[in-house]
Amino acid sequence: MRKFGNLKIPYGFLTNMRRLPKYLFFALPLFILTSGCENKPPPALSIASVRWVTYKNERVGYTLQYPVAYTLQTSQTGRDILFRHNGFPAMAINYTTKGEANERGLWADHKAAGEIKLAGQSGKQYIYNHYDGPFYMRTVSYVIELDSKFLALEFRTQNENADSLQQHILESFTLSR
């Protein structure tokens, strides 16, 4: 034991500190800096300049219009779809059970913010932070029950109220069953 004033340091302590991986000293501050960072969407498209296309999901049974500037990414099951704008996941449609939604960190584990109508059906709106690793995205979900599962139209946005683009998408959403 070495003494530095009243401080006692065991032999080998400083030697063992030097053996810590060097990347730890870089990784720890990086982790602290990125924990809970918000992933912000790109600027919204101007509704006046948007060209619309129609998407139809025959497996689940819905149709909606979306901006041609969005790219689509369909899940392997064909039930869920992600719409990206400049690489950012701007909108998602998920058809899940409540348990699946909870496991995936979706709306199910949050308190409803209010009542909504989607495709003429009553449902609930959820406003929450959707985490993907250390990053999160503000998410507004419009959820209805469909065939003993839940259909959620989700916008990854900083607005709690639908902007004109999102409103157009909501109004174009129809069930085809």
N, C-alpha and C. Protein backbone atom coordinates (compact mmCIF):
# COMPACT_ATOMS: atom_id res chain seq x y z
N MET A 1 0.85 -1.17 0.00
CA MET A 1 0.00 0.00 0.00
C MET A 1 0.90 1.24 0.00
N ARG A 2 0.64 2.14 -0.93
CA ARG A 2 1.37 3.40 -0.98
C ARG A 2 0.52 4.48 -0.33
N LYS A 3 1.18 5.42 0.27
CA LYS A 3 0.48 6.52 0.91
C LYS A 3 0.81 7.83 0.21
N PHE A 4 -0.24 8.60 -0.07
CA PHE A 4 -0.10 9.96 -0.58
C PHE A 4 -0.91 10.83 0.35
N GLY A 5 -0.28 11.33 1.37
CA GLY A 5 -1.01 12.04 2.41
C GLY A 5 -1.90 11.04 3.13
N ASN A 6 -3.18 11.32 3.21
CA ASN A 6 -4.13 10.39 3.84
C ASN A 6 -4.67 9.34 2.85
N LEU A 7 -4.31 9.47 1.58
CA LEU A 7 -4.82 8.58 0.55
C LEU A 7 -3.93 7.34 0.47
N LYS A 8 -4.55 6.17 0.57
CA LYS A 8 -3.82 4.91 0.47
C LYS A 8 -4.18 4.24 -0.86
N ILE A 9 -3.18 3.91 -1.65
CA ILE A 9 -3.39 3.29 -2.95
C ILE A 9 -2.70 1.94 -2.95
N PRO A 10 -3.47 0.87 -3.27
CA PRO A 10 -2.86 -0.46 -3.29
C PRO A 10 -1.78 -0.57 -4.36
N TYR A 11 -0.75 -1.40 -4.09
CA TYR A 11 0.29 -1.65 -5.09
C TYR A 11 -0.36 -2.24 -6.34
N GLY A 12 0.11 -1.82 -7.48
CA GLY A 12 -0.39 -2.34 -8.75
C GLY A 12 -1.61 -1.63 -9.29
N PHE A 13 -2.22 -0.74 -8.50
CA PHE A 13 -3.44 -0.05 -8.95
C PHE A 13 -3.17 0.79 -10.19
N LEU A 14 -2.12 1.60 -10.15
CA LEU A 14 -1.81 2.46 -11.30
C LEU A 14 -1.37 1.64 -12.51
N THR A 15 -0.66 0.55 -12.28
CA THR A 15 -0.25 -0.33 -13.37
C THR A 15 -1.49 -0.93 -14.03
N ASN A 16 -2.46 -1.39 -13.23
CA ASN A 16 -3.68 -1.98 -13.78
C ASN A 16 -4.50 -0.93 -14.54
N MET A 17 -4.49 0.31 -14.10
CA MET A 17 -5.23 1.37 -14.80
C MET A 17 -4.67 1.56 -16.21
N ARG A 18 -3.35 1.42 -16.34
CA ARG A 18 -2.73 1.57 -17.66
C ARG A 18 -3.12 0.44 -18.61
N ARG A 19 -3.55 -0.68 -18.06
CA ARG A 19 -3.91 -1.84 -18.88
C ARG A 19 -5.34 -1.75 -19.42
N LEU A 20 -6.14 -0.81 -18.95
CA LEU A 20 -7.49 -0.67 -19.47
C LEU A 20 -7.42 -0.37 -20.96
N PRO A 21 -8.32 -0.93 -21.71
CA PRO A 21 -8.29 -0.67 -23.16
C PRO A 21 -8.39 0.82 -23.45
N LYS A 22 -7.57 1.24 -24.40
CA LYS A 22 -7.54 2.67 -24.74
C LYS A 22 -8.87 3.13 -25.33
N TYR A 23 -9.56 2.24 -26.03
CA TYR A 23 -10.82 2.65 -26.65
C TYR A 23 -11.88 3.01 -25.60
N LEU A 24 -11.73 2.50 -24.37
CA LEU A 24 -12.68 2.80 -23.31
C LEU A 24 -12.72 4.30 -23.03
N PHE A 25 -11.57 4.94 -23.13
CA PHE A 25 -11.51 6.37 -22.85
C PHE A 25 -12.16 7.20 -23.96
N PHE A 26 -12.30 6.61 -25.15
CA PHE A 26 -12.99 7.28 -26.25
C PHE A 26 -14.46 6.87 -26.30
N ALA A 27 -14.73 5.61 -26.03
CA ALA A 27 -16.10 5.09 -26.14
C ALA A 27 -17.02 5.65 -25.05
N LEU A 28 -16.53 5.78 -23.85
CA LEU A 28 -17.37 6.25 -22.75
C LEU A 28 -17.87 7.68 -22.98
N PRO A 29 -17.02 8.63 -23.32
CA PRO A 29 -17.54 9.98 -23.60
C PRO A 29 -18.48 10.00 -24.80
N LEU A 30 -18.18 9.20 -25.84
CA LEU A 30 -19.06 9.13 -27.00
C LEU A 30 -20.44 8.59 -26.61
N PHE A 31 -20.46 7.56 -25.78
CA PHE A 31 -21.72 7.01 -25.31
C PHE A 31 -22.52 8.06 -24.53
N ILE A 32 -21.86 8.78 -23.66
CA ILE A 32 -22.53 9.81 -22.86
C ILE A 32 -23.09 10.91 -23.76
N LEU A 33 -22.33 11.30 -24.77
CA LEU A 33 -22.78 12.36 -25.67
C LEU A 33 -23.97 11.94 -26.53
N THR A 34 -24.05 10.65 -26.89
CA THR A 34 -25.11 10.22 -27.80
C THR A 34 -26.31 9.59 -27.08
N SER A 35 -26.23 9.38 -25.80
CA SER A 35 -27.36 8.78 -25.08
C SER A 35 -28.57 9.69 -25.13
N GLY A 36 -29.65 9.15 -25.64
CA GLY A 36 -30.89 9.91 -25.68
C GLY A 36 -30.90 11.04 -26.67
N CYS A 37 -30.12 10.96 -27.74
CA CYS A 37 -30.11 12.02 -28.74
C CYS A 37 -31.31 11.88 -29.67
N GLU A 38 -31.93 13.00 -29.97
CA GLU A 38 -33.09 12.97 -30.85
C GLU A 38 -32.65 12.93 -32.30
N ASN A 39 -33.25 12.02 -33.04
CA ASN A 39 -33.02 11.91 -34.47
C ASN A 39 -34.07 12.77 -35.16
N LYS A 40 -33.68 13.94 -35.63
CA LYS A 40 -34.65 14.91 -36.17
C LYS A 40 -34.90 14.67 -37.64
N PRO A 41 -36.16 14.82 -38.06
CA PRO A 41 -36.51 14.61 -39.47
C PRO A 41 -36.00 15.74 -40.35
N PRO A 42 -35.87 15.46 -41.66
CA PRO A 42 -35.50 16.54 -42.59
C PRO A 42 -36.65 17.52 -42.69
N PRO A 43 -36.43 18.69 -43.27
CA PRO A 43 -37.52 19.66 -43.43
C PRO A 43 -38.71 19.03 -44.16
N ALA A 44 -39.90 19.40 -43.74
CA ALA A 44 -41.12 18.85 -44.34
C ALA A 44 -41.25 19.28 -45.79
N LEU A 45 -41.87 18.42 -46.58
CA LEU A 45 -42.15 18.76 -47.97
C LEU A 45 -43.27 19.79 -48.02
N SER A 46 -43.24 20.64 -49.01
CA SER A 46 -44.30 21.62 -49.21
C SER A 46 -45.48 20.92 -49.88
N ILE A 47 -46.64 20.99 -49.27
CA ILE A 47 -47.82 20.32 -49.80
C ILE A 47 -48.14 20.78 -51.21
N ALA A 48 -47.85 22.03 -51.54
CA ALA A 48 -48.15 22.57 -52.87
C ALA A 48 -47.31 21.92 -53.97
N SER A 49 -46.12 21.46 -53.63
CA SER A 49 -45.23 20.89 -54.64
C SER A 49 -45.19 19.35 -54.64
N VAL A 50 -45.96 18.72 -53.77
CA VAL A 50 -45.91 17.27 -53.64
C VAL A 50 -46.69 16.60 -54.77
N ARG A 51 -46.07 15.59 -55.36
CA ARG A 51 -46.77 14.69 -56.28
C ARG A 51 -47.13 13.45 -55.49
N TRP A 52 -48.37 13.03 -55.62
CA TRP A 52 -48.88 11.92 -54.81
C TRP A 52 -48.96 10.64 -55.63
N VAL A 53 -48.67 9.52 -54.95
CA VAL A 53 -48.88 8.19 -55.53
C VAL A 53 -49.69 7.38 -54.53
N THR A 54 -50.31 6.32 -55.01
CA THR A 54 -51.16 5.49 -54.15
C THR A 54 -50.45 4.19 -53.79
N TYR A 55 -50.53 3.82 -52.54
CA TYR A 55 -50.00 2.55 -52.07
C TYR A 55 -51.17 1.70 -51.59
N LYS A 56 -51.19 0.46 -51.99
CA LYS A 56 -52.26 -0.45 -51.56
C LYS A 56 -51.62 -1.70 -50.96
N ASN A 57 -52.02 -2.02 -49.75
CA ASN A 57 -51.55 -3.23 -49.10
C ASN A 57 -52.72 -4.21 -49.09
N GLU A 58 -52.68 -5.15 -50.02
CA GLU A 58 -53.78 -6.11 -50.14
C GLU A 58 -53.77 -7.14 -49.02
N ARG A 59 -52.62 -7.42 -48.48
CA ARG A 59 -52.53 -8.42 -47.40
C ARG A 59 -53.27 -7.95 -46.15
N VAL A 60 -53.05 -6.69 -45.75
CA VAL A 60 -53.71 -6.14 -44.56
C VAL A 60 -55.06 -5.53 -44.93
N GLY A 61 -55.12 -4.88 -46.10
CA GLY A 61 -56.37 -4.33 -46.57
C GLY A 61 -56.53 -2.83 -46.36
N TYR A 62 -55.57 -2.05 -46.84
CA TYR A 62 -55.69 -0.59 -46.76
C TYR A 62 -55.03 0.05 -47.97
N THR A 63 -55.40 1.29 -48.19
CA THR A 63 -54.86 2.10 -49.28
C THR A 63 -54.61 3.50 -48.74
N LEU A 64 -53.56 4.16 -49.25
CA LEU A 64 -53.30 5.54 -48.87
C LEU A 64 -52.47 6.21 -49.96
N GLN A 65 -52.47 7.53 -49.93
CA GLN A 65 -51.60 8.30 -50.81
C GLN A 65 -50.39 8.75 -50.01
N TYR A 66 -49.25 8.81 -50.71
CA TYR A 66 -48.01 9.26 -50.08
C TYR A 66 -47.19 10.04 -51.10
N PRO A 67 -46.29 10.90 -50.65
CA PRO A 67 -45.46 11.68 -51.58
C PRO A 67 -44.52 10.78 -52.38
N VAL A 68 -44.38 11.07 -53.66
CA VAL A 68 -43.49 10.31 -54.52
C VAL A 68 -42.04 10.42 -54.03
N ALA A 69 -41.71 11.45 -53.26
CA ALA A 69 -40.35 11.63 -52.72
C ALA A 69 -40.02 10.59 -51.64
N TYR A 70 -41.01 9.88 -51.12
CA TYR A 70 -40.78 8.86 -50.11
C TYR A 70 -40.37 7.55 -50.80
N THR A 71 -39.46 6.82 -50.17
CA THR A 71 -39.13 5.48 -50.63
C THR A 71 -39.76 4.48 -49.68
N LEU A 72 -40.15 3.33 -50.19
CA LEU A 72 -40.85 2.32 -49.40
C LEU A 72 -39.94 1.16 -49.04
N GLN A 73 -40.13 0.67 -47.83
CA GLN A 73 -39.40 -0.51 -47.36
C GLN A 73 -40.43 -1.41 -46.69
N THR A 74 -40.73 -2.55 -47.32
CA THR A 74 -41.75 -3.47 -46.80
C THR A 74 -41.09 -4.54 -45.95
N SER A 75 -41.77 -4.93 -44.86
CA SER A 75 -41.24 -5.99 -44.01
C SER A 75 -41.34 -7.33 -44.74
N GLN A 76 -40.63 -8.33 -44.24
CA GLN A 76 -40.65 -9.65 -44.86
C GLN A 76 -42.05 -10.27 -44.84
N THR A 77 -42.83 -9.94 -43.83
CA THR A 77 -44.17 -10.51 -43.72
C THR A 77 -45.17 -9.78 -44.61
N GLY A 78 -44.82 -8.59 -45.06
CA GLY A 78 -45.72 -7.80 -45.88
C GLY A 78 -46.77 -7.05 -45.07
N ARG A 79 -46.71 -7.17 -43.75
CA ARG A 79 -47.69 -6.50 -42.89
C ARG A 79 -47.29 -5.07 -42.56
N ASP A 80 -46.01 -4.82 -42.44
CA ASP A 80 -45.50 -3.51 -42.02
C ASP A 80 -44.76 -2.86 -43.17
N ILE A 81 -44.82 -1.53 -43.18
CA ILE A 81 -44.11 -0.78 -44.23
C ILE A 81 -43.52 0.48 -43.62
N LEU A 82 -42.36 0.84 -44.11
CA LEU A 82 -41.67 2.05 -43.67
C LEU A 82 -41.51 2.96 -44.88
N PHE A 83 -41.87 4.22 -44.71
CA PHE A 83 -41.72 5.22 -45.76
C PHE A 83 -40.59 6.16 -45.34
N ARG A 84 -39.56 6.26 -46.17
CA ARG A 84 -38.41 7.11 -45.84
C ARG A 84 -38.39 8.36 -46.72
N HIS A 85 -37.97 9.46 -46.10
CA HIS A 85 -37.76 10.71 -46.81
C HIS A 85 -36.33 11.14 -46.58
N ASN A 86 -35.52 11.17 -47.64
CA ASN A 86 -34.09 11.47 -47.52
C ASN A 86 -33.40 10.56 -46.50
N GLY A 87 -33.78 9.29 -46.49
CA GLY A 87 -33.19 8.32 -45.58
C GLY A 87 -33.82 8.28 -44.21
N PHE A 88 -34.59 9.28 -43.83
CA PHE A 88 -35.21 9.35 -42.51
C PHE A 88 -36.54 8.58 -42.52
N PRO A 89 -36.79 7.75 -41.51
CA PRO A 89 -38.06 7.02 -41.46
C PRO A 89 -39.22 7.96 -41.10
N ALA A 90 -39.81 8.59 -42.10
CA ALA A 90 -40.82 9.63 -41.88
C ALA A 90 -42.17 9.08 -41.46
N MET A 91 -42.50 7.88 -41.92
CA MET A 91 -43.83 7.33 -41.65
C MET A 91 -43.74 5.80 -41.65
N ALA A 92 -44.55 5.18 -40.82
CA ALA A 92 -44.59 3.72 -40.78
C ALA A 92 -46.03 3.27 -40.62
N ILE A 93 -46.31 2.11 -41.15
CA ILE A 93 -47.60 1.48 -40.91
C ILE A 93 -47.30 0.10 -40.37
N ASN A 94 -47.82 -0.17 -39.18
CA ASN A 94 -47.56 -1.44 -38.51
C ASN A 94 -48.88 -2.14 -38.22
N TYR A 95 -48.93 -3.42 -38.53
CA TYR A 95 -50.10 -4.25 -38.26
C TYR A 95 -49.65 -5.34 -37.30
N THR A 96 -49.96 -5.17 -36.02
CA THR A 96 -49.42 -6.04 -34.98
C THR A 96 -50.45 -6.35 -33.91
N THR A 97 -50.10 -7.29 -33.06
CA THR A 97 -50.85 -7.47 -31.82
C THR A 97 -50.32 -6.44 -30.83
N LYS A 98 -51.02 -6.27 -29.75
CA LYS A 98 -50.55 -5.33 -28.72
C LYS A 98 -49.22 -5.81 -28.14
N GLY A 99 -49.08 -7.11 -27.95
CA GLY A 99 -47.83 -7.67 -27.42
C GLY A 99 -46.65 -7.42 -28.34
N GLU A 100 -46.84 -7.62 -29.65
CA GLU A 100 -45.78 -7.35 -30.62
C GLU A 100 -45.40 -5.87 -30.62
N ALA A 101 -46.42 -5.01 -30.58
CA ALA A 101 -46.16 -3.57 -30.56
C ALA A 101 -45.36 -3.18 -29.32
N ASN A 102 -45.69 -3.78 -28.19
CA ASN A 102 -44.97 -3.51 -26.95
C ASN A 102 -43.52 -3.97 -27.05
N GLU A 103 -43.29 -5.17 -27.58
CA GLU A 103 -41.94 -5.71 -27.72
C GLU A 103 -41.07 -4.84 -28.64
N ARG A 104 -41.69 -4.24 -29.63
CA ARG A 104 -40.96 -3.43 -30.61
C ARG A 104 -40.84 -1.97 -30.19
N GLY A 105 -41.32 -1.63 -29.01
CA GLY A 105 -41.20 -0.25 -28.52
C GLY A 105 -42.13 0.71 -29.22
N LEU A 106 -43.25 0.20 -29.75
CA LEU A 106 -44.21 1.05 -30.44
C LEU A 106 -45.20 1.63 -29.44
N TRP A 107 -46.34 2.05 -29.89
CA TRP A 107 -47.36 2.77 -29.13
C TRP A 107 -47.90 2.03 -27.92
N ALA A 108 -47.89 0.72 -27.90
CA ALA A 108 -48.63 -0.08 -26.92
C ALA A 108 -48.26 0.18 -25.46
N ASP A 109 -47.06 0.61 -25.21
CA ASP A 109 -46.60 0.80 -23.82
C ASP A 109 -46.80 2.25 -23.35
N HIS A 110 -47.59 3.01 -24.08
CA HIS A 110 -47.77 4.42 -23.76
C HIS A 110 -49.25 4.73 -23.54
N LYS A 111 -49.49 5.82 -22.84
CA LYS A 111 -50.85 6.27 -22.56
C LYS A 111 -51.40 6.99 -23.78
N ALA A 112 -52.65 6.70 -24.13
CA ALA A 112 -53.28 7.35 -25.27
C ALA A 112 -53.41 8.85 -25.01
N ALA A 113 -53.14 9.64 -26.05
CA ALA A 113 -53.23 11.10 -25.94
C ALA A 113 -54.63 11.59 -26.29
N GLY A 114 -55.41 10.74 -26.95
CA GLY A 114 -56.77 11.15 -27.32
C GLY A 114 -57.44 10.15 -28.23
N GLU A 115 -58.66 10.47 -28.58
CA GLU A 115 -59.47 9.65 -29.49
C GLU A 115 -59.31 10.18 -30.91
N ILE A 116 -59.34 9.29 -31.90
CA ILE A 116 -59.20 9.68 -33.30
C ILE A 116 -60.17 8.88 -34.16
N LYS A 117 -60.28 9.29 -35.41
CA LYS A 117 -60.96 8.52 -36.45
C LYS A 117 -59.95 8.29 -37.55
N LEU A 118 -59.80 7.05 -37.98
CA LEU A 118 -58.92 6.71 -39.08
C LEU A 118 -59.71 5.77 -39.98
N ALA A 119 -59.85 6.14 -41.23
CA ALA A 119 -60.63 5.35 -42.20
C ALA A 119 -62.05 5.11 -41.70
N GLY A 120 -62.59 6.10 -40.99
CA GLY A 120 -63.96 5.99 -40.49
C GLY A 120 -64.11 5.17 -39.22
N GLN A 121 -63.03 4.62 -38.72
CA GLN A 121 -63.08 3.80 -37.50
C GLN A 121 -62.51 4.57 -36.32
N SER A 122 -63.13 4.37 -35.16
CA SER A 122 -62.64 5.00 -33.93
C SER A 122 -61.36 4.33 -33.47
N GLY A 123 -60.47 5.13 -32.93
CA GLY A 123 -59.22 4.61 -32.43
C GLY A 123 -58.59 5.57 -31.45
N LYS A 124 -57.30 5.43 -31.23
CA LYS A 124 -56.59 6.26 -30.26
C LYS A 124 -55.33 6.84 -30.90
N GLN A 125 -54.96 8.00 -30.40
CA GLN A 125 -53.71 8.65 -30.81
C GLN A 125 -52.71 8.50 -29.67
N TYR A 126 -51.47 8.20 -30.03
CA TYR A 126 -50.38 8.07 -29.06
C TYR A 126 -49.26 9.00 -29.50
N ILE A 127 -48.69 9.71 -28.55
CA ILE A 127 -47.55 10.59 -28.82
C ILE A 127 -46.43 10.16 -27.87
N TYR A 128 -45.30 9.74 -28.45
CA TYR A 128 -44.23 9.19 -27.61
C TYR A 128 -42.90 9.29 -28.33
N ASN A 129 -41.83 9.01 -27.61
CA ASN A 129 -40.49 8.94 -28.19
C ASN A 129 -40.19 7.48 -28.51
N HIS A 130 -39.97 7.19 -29.78
CA HIS A 130 -39.63 5.84 -30.21
C HIS A 130 -38.10 5.72 -30.24
N TYR A 131 -37.55 4.84 -29.40
CA TYR A 131 -36.10 4.69 -29.29
C TYR A 131 -35.59 3.61 -30.23
N ASP A 132 -34.49 3.91 -30.88
CA ASP A 132 -33.77 2.97 -31.72
C ASP A 132 -32.32 3.08 -31.28
N GLY A 133 -31.94 2.25 -30.32
CA GLY A 133 -30.62 2.37 -29.71
C GLY A 133 -30.58 3.64 -28.87
N PRO A 134 -29.49 4.42 -28.96
CA PRO A 134 -29.42 5.63 -28.15
C PRO A 134 -30.21 6.79 -28.75
N PHE A 135 -30.72 6.62 -29.95
CA PHE A 135 -31.44 7.70 -30.62
C PHE A 135 -32.94 7.51 -30.49
N TYR A 136 -33.66 8.62 -30.50
CA TYR A 136 -35.12 8.51 -30.47
C TYR A 136 -35.73 9.46 -31.49
N MET A 137 -36.96 9.11 -31.88
CA MET A 137 -37.72 9.92 -32.81
C MET A 137 -39.08 10.19 -32.19
N ARG A 138 -39.49 11.43 -32.19
CA ARG A 138 -40.83 11.79 -31.73
C ARG A 138 -41.81 11.13 -32.69
N THR A 139 -42.79 10.41 -32.15
CA THR A 139 -43.72 9.64 -32.96
C THR A 139 -45.15 9.93 -32.56
N VAL A 140 -45.99 10.14 -33.57
CA VAL A 140 -47.42 10.30 -33.36
C VAL A 140 -48.09 9.14 -34.09
N SER A 141 -48.79 8.29 -33.33
CA SER A 141 -49.43 7.10 -33.88
C SER A 141 -50.94 7.23 -33.86
N TYR A 142 -51.56 6.83 -34.95
CA TYR A 142 -53.01 6.76 -35.07
C TYR A 142 -53.35 5.27 -35.17
N VAL A 143 -54.01 4.74 -34.14
CA VAL A 143 -54.17 3.29 -34.00
C VAL A 143 -55.63 2.90 -33.99
N ILE A 144 -55.99 1.92 -34.84
CA ILE A 144 -57.33 1.35 -34.84
C ILE A 144 -57.23 -0.16 -34.72
N GLU A 145 -58.30 -0.78 -34.26
CA GLU A 145 -58.35 -2.23 -34.18
C GLU A 145 -58.87 -2.76 -35.51
N LEU A 146 -58.22 -3.81 -36.01
CA LEU A 146 -58.61 -4.41 -37.28
C LEU A 146 -58.39 -5.92 -37.20
N ASP A 147 -59.47 -6.67 -37.26
CA ASP A 147 -59.39 -8.14 -37.24
C ASP A 147 -58.58 -8.68 -36.06
N SER A 148 -58.92 -8.25 -34.88
CA SER A 148 -58.30 -8.65 -33.60
C SER A 148 -56.81 -8.30 -33.50
N LYS A 149 -56.32 -7.43 -34.38
CA LYS A 149 -54.97 -6.88 -34.28
C LYS A 149 -55.10 -5.37 -34.30
N PHE A 150 -53.98 -4.68 -34.34
CA PHE A 150 -53.98 -3.23 -34.36
C PHE A 150 -53.23 -2.72 -35.57
N LEU A 151 -53.83 -1.76 -36.24
CA LEU A 151 -53.24 -1.11 -37.40
C LEU A 151 -52.85 0.30 -36.97
N ALA A 152 -51.57 0.62 -37.07
CA ALA A 152 -51.07 1.91 -36.62
C ALA A 152 -50.41 2.65 -37.78
N LEU A 153 -50.89 3.85 -38.04
CA LEU A 153 -50.27 4.77 -38.99
C LEU A 153 -49.46 5.73 -38.14
N GLU A 154 -48.12 5.71 -38.31
CA GLU A 154 -47.24 6.46 -37.43
C GLU A 154 -46.41 7.47 -38.21
N PHE A 155 -46.37 8.68 -37.69
CA PHE A 155 -45.54 9.72 -38.26
C PHE A 155 -44.38 9.98 -37.31
N ARG A 156 -43.15 9.97 -37.82
CA ARG A 156 -41.97 10.32 -37.04
C ARG A 156 -41.78 11.82 -37.29
N THR A 157 -42.15 12.62 -36.32
CA THR A 157 -42.28 14.05 -36.53
C THR A 157 -42.00 14.82 -35.26
N GLN A 158 -41.82 16.11 -35.37
CA GLN A 158 -41.69 16.95 -34.18
C GLN A 158 -42.99 17.65 -33.85
N ASN A 159 -44.02 17.42 -34.68
CA ASN A 159 -45.32 18.05 -34.46
C ASN A 159 -46.24 17.09 -33.73
N GLU A 160 -46.97 17.59 -32.76
CA GLU A 160 -47.96 16.75 -32.10
C GLU A 160 -49.28 16.76 -32.87
N ASN A 161 -49.49 17.82 -33.66
CA ASN A 161 -50.66 17.90 -34.53
C ASN A 161 -50.20 17.66 -35.95
N ALA A 162 -51.05 17.00 -36.73
CA ALA A 162 -50.70 16.69 -38.12
C ALA A 162 -50.53 17.96 -38.94
N ASP A 163 -49.42 18.04 -39.69
CA ASP A 163 -49.25 19.16 -40.62
C ASP A 163 -50.07 18.86 -41.87
N SER A 164 -50.06 19.74 -42.85
CA SER A 164 -50.93 19.58 -44.02
C SER A 164 -50.59 18.31 -44.82
N LEU A 165 -49.33 17.96 -44.91
CA LEU A 165 -48.92 16.75 -45.61
C LEU A 165 -49.45 15.51 -44.89
N GLN A 166 -49.25 15.47 -43.58
CA GLN A 166 -49.72 14.33 -42.79
C GLN A 166 -51.25 14.26 -42.81
N GLN A 167 -51.90 15.41 -42.78
CA GLN A 167 -53.36 15.45 -42.82
C GLN A 167 -53.87 14.85 -44.13
N HIS A 168 -53.20 15.16 -45.23
CA HIS A 168 -53.58 14.59 -46.53
C HIS A 168 -53.46 13.07 -46.50
N ILE A 169 -52.37 12.57 -45.93
CA ILE A 169 -52.16 11.12 -45.83
C ILE A 169 -53.26 10.49 -44.98
N LEU A 170 -53.55 11.11 -43.83
CA LEU A 170 -54.61 10.59 -42.95
C LEU A 170 -55.96 10.56 -43.67
N GLU A 171 -56.28 11.61 -44.40
CA GLU A 171 -57.56 11.68 -45.09
C GLU A 171 -57.64 10.71 -46.27
N SER A 172 -56.50 10.36 -46.85
CA SER A 172 -56.50 9.43 -47.98
C SER A 172 -56.53 7.97 -47.54
N PHE A 173 -56.31 7.72 -46.27
CA PHE A 173 -56.22 6.36 -45.73
C PHE A 173 -57.60 5.71 -45.72
N THR A 174 -57.74 4.60 -46.44
CA THR A 174 -59.01 3.86 -46.46
C THR A 174 -58.76 2.38 -46.25
N LEU A 175 -59.75 1.71 -45.72
CA LEU A 175 -59.70 0.26 -45.57
C LEU A 175 -60.34 -0.35 -46.80
N SER A 176 -59.74 -1.40 -47.32
CA SER A 176 -60.27 -2.01 -48.54
C SER A 176 -60.88 -3.38 -48.27
N ARG A 177 -61.23 -3.66 -47.06
CA ARG A 177 -61.87 -4.95 -46.72
C ARG A 177 -63.36 -4.77 -46.65
